[in-house]
N, C-alpha and C. Protein backbone atom coordinates (compact mmCIF):
# COMPACT_ATOMS: atom_id res chain seq x y z
N UNK A 1 -43.10 57.39 47.13
CA UNK A 1 -44.04 56.83 48.27
C UNK A 1 -44.74 55.77 47.76
N UNK A 2 -44.91 54.68 48.53
CA UNK A 2 -45.79 53.55 47.99
C UNK A 2 -47.14 53.78 48.14
N UNK A 3 -47.96 53.12 47.41
CA UNK A 3 -49.38 53.21 47.52
C UNK A 3 -49.83 52.82 48.88
N UNK A 4 -50.85 53.39 49.48
CA UNK A 4 -51.44 53.00 50.75
C UNK A 4 -52.74 52.03 50.36
N UNK A 5 -52.72 50.88 51.18
CA UNK A 5 -53.91 50.12 51.02
C UNK A 5 -54.83 50.00 52.42
N UNK A 6 -55.87 49.40 52.36
CA UNK A 6 -56.68 49.36 53.57
C UNK A 6 -55.85 48.39 54.61
N UNK A 7 -54.91 47.53 54.20
CA UNK A 7 -54.18 46.74 55.15
C UNK A 7 -53.21 47.78 55.91
N UNK A 8 -52.83 48.95 55.35
CA UNK A 8 -51.97 49.93 56.15
C UNK A 8 -52.97 50.57 57.18
N UNK A 9 -54.11 50.87 56.77
CA UNK A 9 -55.04 51.58 57.77
C UNK A 9 -55.24 50.70 58.82
N UNK A 10 -55.42 49.18 58.74
CA UNK A 10 -55.66 48.37 59.55
C UNK A 10 -54.63 48.24 60.62
N UNK A 11 -53.35 48.32 60.13
CA UNK A 11 -52.00 48.35 60.88
C UNK A 11 -52.11 49.49 61.83
N UNK A 12 -52.36 50.66 61.34
CA UNK A 12 -52.35 51.87 62.04
C UNK A 12 -53.40 51.82 63.07
N UNK A 13 -54.58 51.53 62.79
CA UNK A 13 -55.75 51.37 63.65
C UNK A 13 -55.42 50.36 65.00
N UNK A 14 -54.94 49.32 64.53
CA UNK A 14 -54.54 48.26 65.62
C UNK A 14 -53.34 48.76 66.47
N UNK A 15 -52.36 49.40 65.93
CA UNK A 15 -51.17 50.09 66.61
C UNK A 15 -51.66 51.09 67.56
N UNK A 16 -52.56 52.00 67.15
CA UNK A 16 -52.98 53.07 68.04
C UNK A 16 -53.92 52.65 69.02
N UNK A 17 -54.77 51.56 68.82
CA UNK A 17 -55.66 50.95 69.90
C UNK A 17 -54.67 50.45 70.96
N UNK A 18 -53.75 49.65 70.54
CA UNK A 18 -52.78 49.03 71.46
C UNK A 18 -51.97 50.08 72.21
N UNK A 19 -51.56 51.04 71.58
CA UNK A 19 -50.69 52.12 72.32
C UNK A 19 -51.73 52.95 73.25
N UNK A 20 -52.93 53.03 72.96
CA UNK A 20 -53.87 53.69 73.80
C UNK A 20 -54.25 52.82 75.03
N UNK A 21 -53.85 51.70 75.27
CA UNK A 21 -53.92 50.97 76.41
C UNK A 21 -55.21 49.88 76.18
N UNK A 22 -55.79 49.76 75.02
CA UNK A 22 -56.77 48.55 74.78
C UNK A 22 -56.09 47.40 74.89
N UNK A 23 -56.97 46.38 75.51
CA UNK A 23 -56.47 45.01 75.71
C UNK A 23 -56.44 44.30 74.28
N UNK A 24 -55.55 43.29 74.35
CA UNK A 24 -55.41 42.39 72.98
C UNK A 24 -56.74 41.96 72.76
N UNK A 25 -57.54 41.42 73.67
CA UNK A 25 -58.83 40.79 73.31
C UNK A 25 -59.81 41.92 72.80
N UNK A 26 -59.79 43.34 73.22
CA UNK A 26 -60.57 44.21 72.69
C UNK A 26 -60.07 44.58 71.16
N UNK A 27 -58.95 44.58 71.12
CA UNK A 27 -58.31 44.87 69.73
C UNK A 27 -58.68 43.69 68.71
N UNK A 28 -58.48 42.47 69.20
CA UNK A 28 -58.81 41.47 68.46
C UNK A 28 -60.35 41.43 67.88
N UNK A 29 -61.11 41.65 68.89
CA UNK A 29 -62.69 41.85 68.39
C UNK A 29 -62.89 42.95 67.43
N UNK A 30 -62.35 43.99 67.53
CA UNK A 30 -62.50 45.28 66.86
C UNK A 30 -62.04 44.90 65.47
N UNK A 31 -60.88 44.22 65.36
CA UNK A 31 -60.13 44.10 64.13
C UNK A 31 -60.87 42.80 63.41
N UNK A 32 -61.62 42.00 64.03
CA UNK A 32 -62.02 40.92 63.39
C UNK A 32 -61.24 39.72 63.29
N UNK A 33 -60.24 39.70 64.08
CA UNK A 33 -59.13 38.72 63.97
C UNK A 33 -59.80 37.24 64.54
N UNK A 34 -59.16 36.24 64.25
CA UNK A 34 -59.94 34.89 64.60
C UNK A 34 -59.25 34.59 65.97
N UNK A 35 -58.13 34.93 66.34
CA UNK A 35 -57.58 34.66 67.78
C UNK A 35 -56.52 35.91 68.02
N UNK A 36 -56.13 35.89 69.35
CA UNK A 36 -55.30 36.90 69.86
C UNK A 36 -53.80 36.73 69.35
N UNK A 37 -53.53 35.57 68.86
CA UNK A 37 -52.01 35.39 68.23
C UNK A 37 -51.96 36.32 66.96
N UNK A 38 -52.99 36.42 66.22
CA UNK A 38 -52.95 37.15 64.97
C UNK A 38 -52.82 38.68 65.54
N UNK A 39 -53.54 39.16 66.48
CA UNK A 39 -53.42 40.50 66.87
C UNK A 39 -52.14 40.83 67.47
N UNK A 40 -51.53 40.07 68.13
CA UNK A 40 -50.18 40.09 68.92
C UNK A 40 -49.26 40.38 67.94
N UNK A 41 -49.36 40.04 66.63
CA UNK A 41 -48.33 40.41 65.66
C UNK A 41 -47.99 41.96 65.50
N UNK A 42 -49.10 42.58 65.80
CA UNK A 42 -49.03 44.20 65.80
C UNK A 42 -48.33 44.79 66.95
N UNK A 43 -47.81 43.94 68.09
CA UNK A 43 -47.24 44.47 69.06
C UNK A 43 -45.87 45.08 68.73
N UNK A 44 -45.26 44.72 67.82
CA UNK A 44 -43.95 45.14 67.54
C UNK A 44 -43.97 46.87 67.03
N UNK A 45 -45.18 47.13 66.67
CA UNK A 45 -45.30 48.55 66.41
C UNK A 45 -45.42 49.38 67.62
N UNK A 46 -46.22 48.91 68.65
CA UNK A 46 -46.53 49.65 69.82
C UNK A 46 -45.63 49.50 71.13
N UNK A 47 -44.85 48.44 71.10
CA UNK A 47 -43.99 48.12 72.36
C UNK A 47 -42.58 48.12 71.87
N UNK A 48 -41.85 48.83 72.81
CA UNK A 48 -40.53 49.01 72.52
C UNK A 48 -39.69 47.68 73.16
N UNK A 49 -38.48 47.57 72.81
CA UNK A 49 -37.65 46.38 73.16
C UNK A 49 -37.67 46.16 74.68
N UNK A 50 -37.73 47.35 75.61
CA UNK A 50 -37.58 47.17 76.90
C UNK A 50 -38.97 46.89 77.68
N UNK A 51 -40.01 46.75 76.70
CA UNK A 51 -41.17 46.49 77.25
C UNK A 51 -42.31 47.58 77.44
N UNK A 52 -41.79 48.76 77.25
CA UNK A 52 -42.57 50.10 77.47
C UNK A 52 -43.34 50.34 76.19
N UNK A 53 -44.49 50.97 76.27
CA UNK A 53 -44.99 51.42 75.01
C UNK A 53 -44.31 52.53 74.23
N UNK A 54 -44.18 52.25 73.07
CA UNK A 54 -43.47 53.29 72.22
C UNK A 54 -44.22 54.42 71.86
N UNK A 55 -43.72 55.51 71.56
CA UNK A 55 -44.17 56.76 71.08
C UNK A 55 -44.54 56.59 69.63
N UNK A 56 -45.80 56.10 69.11
CA UNK A 56 -45.98 55.78 67.84
C UNK A 56 -46.25 57.08 67.02
N UNK A 57 -46.38 58.30 67.77
CA UNK A 57 -46.64 59.57 67.17
C UNK A 57 -45.52 60.35 66.93
N UNK A 58 -44.22 59.95 67.45
CA UNK A 58 -42.83 60.66 67.45
C UNK A 58 -42.53 60.76 65.92
N UNK A 59 -41.90 61.94 65.59
CA UNK A 59 -41.24 62.23 64.28
C UNK A 59 -40.01 61.64 64.29
N UNK A 60 -39.71 60.84 63.22
CA UNK A 60 -38.44 60.22 63.16
C UNK A 60 -37.60 61.32 62.80
N UNK A 61 -36.36 61.31 63.46
CA UNK A 61 -35.30 62.36 63.25
C UNK A 61 -34.07 61.82 63.02
């Protein structure tokens, strides 16, 4: 297992906030990002290819 860093925690928090329905602007402000474009990078974690919110809590099987 690789070492976890604060960056991993930030990724998790942002992904959870987005999956919970927070707006990009809310998450941007909470994460301290300079603009929403930085925050939108995290969308690949929370949104499936078909545009639906993914189940980030699902166990990979």
